[in-house]
Amino acid sequence: MTQRSASQLYFDLIRLFKQWPIDKSKTGRDLGEKLREQFSKSFALGENSQVNVNEWNHFYDNMKLLISNDIKNRYPRDRNWTASGLSREQLRFILSNKSLQANKDFMKKMK
């Protein structure tokens, strides 16, 4: 775990966030979007922000592992399946804002 200064962390995290795409189908609920909001609040003054450097160093190291798919590559799965039995594309559609809204509308009609 490399210790970075607050200003170095600021620029490293920006670089890291550029590698993490935002899922437009989950606007308002996307993990990347929420993490960016947290980053923006903590680093409101940019590289001159006073932040908990240890906490953000830990966050950076964990984010880097996630984004690089290090764990996925180190421990490959022999099958691509989910507990629900649905494919990745089916799950992505079901969890999209459009699908969730359609389900809410349907449930209102059922009442």
N, C-alpha and C. Protein backbone atom coordinates (compact mmCIF):
# COMPACT_ATOMS: atom_id res chain seq x y z
N MET A 1 0.85 -1.18 0.00
CA MET A 1 0.00 0.00 0.00
C MET A 1 0.88 1.23 0.00
N THR A 2 0.84 1.96 -1.08
CA THR A 2 1.63 3.17 -1.21
C THR A 2 0.92 4.33 -0.54
N GLN A 3 1.64 5.08 0.27
CA GLN A 3 1.07 6.27 0.89
C GLN A 3 1.21 7.46 -0.06
N ARG A 4 0.12 8.06 -0.40
CA ARG A 4 0.12 9.22 -1.29
C ARG A 4 -0.30 10.46 -0.51
N SER A 5 0.14 11.61 -0.95
CA SER A 5 -0.31 12.87 -0.35
C SER A 5 -1.72 13.17 -0.86
N ALA A 6 -2.40 14.11 -0.22
CA ALA A 6 -3.77 14.47 -0.63
C ALA A 6 -3.79 14.95 -2.08
N SER A 7 -2.82 15.74 -2.47
CA SER A 7 -2.82 16.25 -3.85
C SER A 7 -2.55 15.13 -4.85
N GLN A 8 -1.65 14.22 -4.52
CA GLN A 8 -1.38 13.09 -5.40
C GLN A 8 -2.60 12.18 -5.49
N LEU A 9 -3.26 11.96 -4.35
CA LEU A 9 -4.48 11.14 -4.33
C LEU A 9 -5.55 11.74 -5.23
N TYR A 10 -5.69 13.05 -5.17
CA TYR A 10 -6.70 13.74 -5.97
C TYR A 10 -6.53 13.40 -7.45
N PHE A 11 -5.34 13.55 -7.95
CA PHE A 11 -5.09 13.31 -9.37
C PHE A 11 -5.14 11.81 -9.71
N ASP A 12 -4.65 10.96 -8.80
CA ASP A 12 -4.71 9.51 -9.03
C ASP A 12 -6.16 9.02 -9.06
N LEU A 13 -6.99 9.55 -8.18
CA LEU A 13 -8.40 9.14 -8.16
C LEU A 13 -9.14 9.62 -9.41
N ILE A 14 -8.84 10.80 -9.87
CA ILE A 14 -9.46 11.28 -11.11
C ILE A 14 -9.11 10.34 -12.26
N ARG A 15 -7.85 9.96 -12.34
CA ARG A 15 -7.40 9.03 -13.38
C ARG A 15 -8.13 7.69 -13.26
N LEU A 16 -8.31 7.24 -12.03
CA LEU A 16 -8.98 5.97 -11.78
C LEU A 16 -10.47 6.05 -12.16
N PHE A 17 -11.13 7.14 -11.82
CA PHE A 17 -12.55 7.29 -12.14
C PHE A 17 -12.79 7.34 -13.65
N LYS A 18 -11.82 7.81 -14.40
CA LYS A 18 -11.97 7.84 -15.86
C LYS A 18 -12.05 6.43 -16.43
N GLN A 19 -11.50 5.46 -15.71
CA GLN A 19 -11.53 4.07 -16.16
C GLN A 19 -12.82 3.36 -15.76
N TRP A 20 -13.62 3.96 -14.87
CA TRP A 20 -14.84 3.34 -14.39
C TRP A 20 -16.03 4.01 -15.07
N PRO A 21 -16.67 3.33 -16.02
CA PRO A 21 -17.80 3.94 -16.71
C PRO A 21 -19.04 4.02 -15.82
N ILE A 22 -19.88 5.00 -16.11
CA ILE A 22 -21.15 5.13 -15.40
C ILE A 22 -22.21 4.42 -16.22
N ASP A 23 -23.02 3.61 -15.57
CA ASP A 23 -24.10 2.89 -16.24
C ASP A 23 -25.28 3.83 -16.38
N LYS A 24 -25.54 4.32 -17.58
CA LYS A 24 -26.60 5.29 -17.83
C LYS A 24 -27.99 4.71 -17.56
N SER A 25 -28.11 3.38 -17.58
CA SER A 25 -29.42 2.77 -17.34
C SER A 25 -29.78 2.76 -15.85
N LYS A 26 -28.81 3.15 -14.99
CA LYS A 26 -29.05 3.17 -13.55
C LYS A 26 -28.81 4.56 -12.97
N THR A 27 -29.19 5.58 -13.69
CA THR A 27 -28.98 6.95 -13.24
C THR A 27 -29.56 7.15 -11.84
N GLY A 28 -28.75 7.69 -10.95
CA GLY A 28 -29.18 7.92 -9.57
C GLY A 28 -28.91 6.73 -8.66
N ARG A 29 -28.59 5.57 -9.24
CA ARG A 29 -28.35 4.37 -8.44
C ARG A 29 -27.03 3.70 -8.77
N ASP A 30 -26.27 4.25 -9.68
CA ASP A 30 -25.03 3.63 -10.14
C ASP A 30 -23.93 3.80 -9.10
N LEU A 31 -23.20 2.74 -8.83
CA LEU A 31 -22.12 2.78 -7.83
C LEU A 31 -21.05 3.79 -8.22
N GLY A 32 -20.64 3.80 -9.48
CA GLY A 32 -19.62 4.75 -9.92
C GLY A 32 -20.06 6.18 -9.72
N GLU A 33 -21.32 6.44 -9.96
CA GLU A 33 -21.88 7.79 -9.78
C GLU A 33 -21.83 8.19 -8.30
N LYS A 34 -22.21 7.28 -7.42
CA LYS A 34 -22.20 7.56 -5.98
C LYS A 34 -20.78 7.77 -5.46
N LEU A 35 -19.85 6.98 -5.96
CA LEU A 35 -18.45 7.14 -5.53
C LEU A 35 -17.88 8.47 -6.00
N ARG A 36 -18.25 8.88 -7.19
CA ARG A 36 -17.81 10.18 -7.70
C ARG A 36 -18.37 11.33 -6.86
N GLU A 37 -19.63 11.19 -6.42
CA GLU A 37 -20.24 12.21 -5.56
C GLU A 37 -19.49 12.30 -4.24
N GLN A 38 -19.17 11.15 -3.66
CA GLN A 38 -18.43 11.12 -2.39
C GLN A 38 -17.06 11.78 -2.57
N PHE A 39 -16.41 11.47 -3.67
CA PHE A 39 -15.11 12.06 -3.99
C PHE A 39 -15.23 13.58 -4.12
N SER A 40 -16.24 14.04 -4.84
CA SER A 40 -16.44 15.47 -5.05
C SER A 40 -16.67 16.22 -3.74
N LYS A 41 -17.43 15.60 -2.84
CA LYS A 41 -17.68 16.23 -1.54
C LYS A 41 -16.41 16.30 -0.70
N SER A 42 -15.65 15.22 -0.69
CA SER A 42 -14.43 15.17 0.12
C SER A 42 -13.33 16.06 -0.43
N PHE A 43 -13.24 16.12 -1.75
CA PHE A 43 -12.19 16.91 -2.39
C PHE A 43 -12.79 18.17 -3.01
N ALA A 44 -13.64 18.85 -2.24
CA ALA A 44 -14.33 20.05 -2.73
C ALA A 44 -13.34 21.15 -3.14
N LEU A 45 -12.19 21.19 -2.49
CA LEU A 45 -11.19 22.21 -2.81
C LEU A 45 -10.12 21.68 -3.76
N GLY A 46 -10.44 20.58 -4.42
CA GLY A 46 -9.49 19.99 -5.36
C GLY A 46 -8.29 19.40 -4.65
N GLU A 47 -7.12 19.61 -5.22
CA GLU A 47 -5.91 19.03 -4.65
C GLU A 47 -5.52 19.65 -3.32
N ASN A 48 -6.12 20.78 -2.96
CA ASN A 48 -5.81 21.45 -1.70
C ASN A 48 -6.75 21.05 -0.57
N SER A 49 -7.59 20.06 -0.79
CA SER A 49 -8.56 19.62 0.22
C SER A 49 -7.86 18.92 1.38
N GLN A 50 -8.45 19.10 2.56
CA GLN A 50 -7.97 18.42 3.75
C GLN A 50 -8.81 17.16 3.93
N VAL A 51 -8.23 16.01 3.67
CA VAL A 51 -8.96 14.74 3.75
C VAL A 51 -8.19 13.75 4.62
N ASN A 52 -8.87 12.69 5.01
CA ASN A 52 -8.22 11.60 5.74
C ASN A 52 -7.41 10.81 4.71
N VAL A 53 -6.14 11.06 4.66
CA VAL A 53 -5.26 10.48 3.64
C VAL A 53 -5.23 8.96 3.73
N ASN A 54 -5.19 8.42 4.95
CA ASN A 54 -5.15 6.95 5.10
C ASN A 54 -6.42 6.32 4.53
N GLU A 55 -7.55 6.91 4.84
CA GLU A 55 -8.82 6.38 4.36
C GLU A 55 -8.89 6.40 2.83
N TRP A 56 -8.46 7.51 2.23
CA TRP A 56 -8.52 7.64 0.77
C TRP A 56 -7.45 6.80 0.07
N ASN A 57 -6.30 6.59 0.71
CA ASN A 57 -5.30 5.66 0.17
C ASN A 57 -5.87 4.25 0.11
N HIS A 58 -6.54 3.86 1.19
CA HIS A 58 -7.17 2.53 1.25
C HIS A 58 -8.25 2.42 0.16
N PHE A 59 -9.07 3.46 0.03
CA PHE A 59 -10.11 3.50 -1.00
C PHE A 59 -9.49 3.35 -2.39
N TYR A 60 -8.43 4.09 -2.65
CA TYR A 60 -7.76 4.05 -3.95
C TYR A 60 -7.25 2.64 -4.26
N ASP A 61 -6.58 2.02 -3.29
CA ASP A 61 -6.03 0.68 -3.51
C ASP A 61 -7.14 -0.33 -3.82
N ASN A 62 -8.26 -0.24 -3.10
CA ASN A 62 -9.37 -1.15 -3.34
C ASN A 62 -10.03 -0.89 -4.69
N MET A 63 -10.18 0.37 -5.05
CA MET A 63 -10.78 0.73 -6.34
C MET A 63 -9.90 0.23 -7.49
N LYS A 64 -8.62 0.34 -7.31
CA LYS A 64 -7.70 -0.10 -8.35
C LYS A 64 -7.84 -1.61 -8.59
N LEU A 65 -8.00 -2.37 -7.51
CA LEU A 65 -8.22 -3.81 -7.62
C LEU A 65 -9.51 -4.11 -8.39
N LEU A 66 -10.57 -3.39 -8.05
CA LEU A 66 -11.85 -3.59 -8.73
C LEU A 66 -11.77 -3.26 -10.21
N ILE A 67 -11.24 -2.11 -10.52
CA ILE A 67 -11.21 -1.64 -11.90
C ILE A 67 -10.30 -2.49 -12.77
N SER A 68 -9.21 -2.97 -12.21
CA SER A 68 -8.27 -3.77 -13.00
C SER A 68 -8.74 -5.20 -13.20
N ASN A 69 -9.84 -5.59 -12.52
CA ASN A 69 -10.33 -6.97 -12.58
C ASN A 69 -9.27 -7.96 -12.10
N ASP A 70 -8.43 -7.54 -11.19
CA ASP A 70 -7.33 -8.37 -10.70
C ASP A 70 -7.85 -9.67 -10.09
N ILE A 71 -8.86 -9.59 -9.25
CA ILE A 71 -9.40 -10.78 -8.59
C ILE A 71 -10.06 -11.69 -9.63
N LYS A 72 -10.82 -11.10 -10.55
CA LYS A 72 -11.48 -11.89 -11.60
C LYS A 72 -10.45 -12.64 -12.45
N ASN A 73 -9.35 -11.96 -12.77
CA ASN A 73 -8.31 -12.60 -13.58
C ASN A 73 -7.50 -13.62 -12.78
N ARG A 74 -7.32 -13.38 -11.50
CA ARG A 74 -6.55 -14.29 -10.67
C ARG A 74 -7.32 -15.58 -10.38
N TYR A 75 -8.65 -15.45 -10.24
CA TYR A 75 -9.50 -16.60 -9.93
C TYR A 75 -10.61 -16.72 -10.98
N PRO A 76 -10.26 -17.18 -12.17
CA PRO A 76 -11.28 -17.25 -13.23
C PRO A 76 -12.37 -18.27 -12.89
N ARG A 77 -13.59 -17.94 -13.33
CA ARG A 77 -14.71 -18.85 -13.11
C ARG A 77 -14.79 -19.83 -14.27
N ASP A 78 -15.15 -21.06 -13.95
CA ASP A 78 -15.27 -22.05 -15.01
C ASP A 78 -16.63 -21.96 -15.72
N ARG A 79 -17.61 -21.29 -15.07
CA ARG A 79 -18.92 -21.09 -15.69
C ARG A 79 -19.34 -19.65 -15.50
N ASN A 80 -20.08 -19.14 -16.44
CA ASN A 80 -20.64 -17.79 -16.31
C ASN A 80 -22.13 -17.91 -16.02
N TRP A 81 -22.47 -18.05 -14.76
CA TRP A 81 -23.87 -18.16 -14.37
C TRP A 81 -24.11 -17.33 -13.12
N THR A 82 -25.38 -17.11 -12.84
CA THR A 82 -25.76 -16.34 -11.66
C THR A 82 -26.68 -17.20 -10.79
N ALA A 83 -26.90 -16.78 -9.58
CA ALA A 83 -27.77 -17.52 -8.67
C ALA A 83 -29.20 -17.56 -9.19
N SER A 84 -29.60 -16.53 -9.92
CA SER A 84 -30.97 -16.48 -10.45
C SER A 84 -31.13 -17.31 -11.72
N GLY A 85 -30.01 -17.68 -12.34
CA GLY A 85 -30.07 -18.42 -13.59
C GLY A 85 -30.22 -17.53 -14.81
N LEU A 86 -30.26 -16.22 -14.59
CA LEU A 86 -30.39 -15.28 -15.70
C LEU A 86 -29.02 -14.89 -16.24
N SER A 87 -28.99 -14.48 -17.49
CA SER A 87 -27.74 -14.03 -18.09
C SER A 87 -27.41 -12.62 -17.61
N ARG A 88 -26.19 -12.20 -17.88
CA ARG A 88 -25.75 -10.85 -17.52
C ARG A 88 -26.63 -9.78 -18.18
N GLU A 89 -26.97 -9.99 -19.45
CA GLU A 89 -27.80 -9.02 -20.18
C GLU A 89 -29.21 -8.94 -19.59
N GLN A 90 -29.77 -10.10 -19.22
CA GLN A 90 -31.10 -10.12 -18.62
C GLN A 90 -31.10 -9.40 -17.28
N LEU A 91 -30.08 -9.64 -16.47
CA LEU A 91 -29.98 -8.96 -15.17
C LEU A 91 -29.79 -7.46 -15.35
N ARG A 92 -28.98 -7.06 -16.31
CA ARG A 92 -28.76 -5.64 -16.56
C ARG A 92 -30.08 -4.96 -16.94
N PHE A 93 -30.89 -5.62 -17.77
CA PHE A 93 -32.17 -5.05 -18.15
C PHE A 93 -33.12 -4.96 -16.96
N ILE A 94 -33.21 -6.03 -16.17
CA ILE A 94 -34.12 -6.05 -15.03
C ILE A 94 -33.76 -4.98 -14.01
N LEU A 95 -32.47 -4.71 -13.84
CA LEU A 95 -32.03 -3.72 -12.85
C LEU A 95 -31.97 -2.30 -13.40
N SER A 96 -32.31 -2.11 -14.66
CA SER A 96 -32.27 -0.76 -15.24
C SER A 96 -33.42 0.08 -14.69
N ASN A 97 -33.26 1.38 -14.70
CA ASN A 97 -34.30 2.29 -14.23
C ASN A 97 -35.59 2.11 -15.03
N LYS A 98 -35.47 1.89 -16.32
CA LYS A 98 -36.63 1.73 -17.19
C LYS A 98 -37.46 0.51 -16.76
N SER A 99 -36.80 -0.60 -16.51
CA SER A 99 -37.50 -1.81 -16.09
C SER A 99 -38.10 -1.66 -14.70
N LEU A 100 -37.37 -1.05 -13.78
CA LEU A 100 -37.89 -0.85 -12.43
C LEU A 100 -39.12 0.06 -12.44
N GLN A 101 -39.10 1.09 -13.28
CA GLN A 101 -40.25 1.98 -13.39
C GLN A 101 -41.45 1.25 -13.97
N ALA A 102 -41.21 0.40 -14.97
CA ALA A 102 -42.29 -0.39 -15.56
C ALA A 102 -42.90 -1.31 -14.52
N ASN A 103 -42.08 -1.90 -13.66
CA ASN A 103 -42.58 -2.77 -12.59
C ASN A 103 -43.41 -1.98 -11.59
N LYS A 104 -42.96 -0.77 -11.24
CA LYS A 104 -43.74 0.07 -10.31
C LYS A 104 -45.08 0.43 -10.91
N ASP A 105 -45.07 0.81 -12.20
CA ASP A 105 -46.31 1.16 -12.88
C ASP A 105 -47.27 -0.02 -12.92
N PHE A 106 -46.75 -1.19 -13.18
CA PHE A 106 -47.54 -2.40 -13.22
C PHE A 106 -48.17 -2.68 -11.86
N MET A 107 -47.38 -2.54 -10.80
CA MET A 107 -47.89 -2.80 -9.45
C MET A 107 -48.97 -1.80 -9.05
N LYS A 108 -48.84 -0.54 -9.51
CA LYS A 108 -49.89 0.46 -9.23
C LYS A 108 -51.19 0.07 -9.91
N LYS A 109 -51.09 -0.44 -11.14
CA LYS A 109 -52.28 -0.86 -11.87
C LYS A 109 -52.95 -2.06 -11.20
N MET A 110 -52.15 -2.90 -10.56
CA MET A 110 -52.68 -4.09 -9.91
C MET A 110 -53.44 -3.77 -8.62
N LYS A 111 -53.19 -2.62 -8.03
CA LYS A 111 -53.84 -2.25 -6.75
C LYS A 111 -55.25 -1.86 -6.94
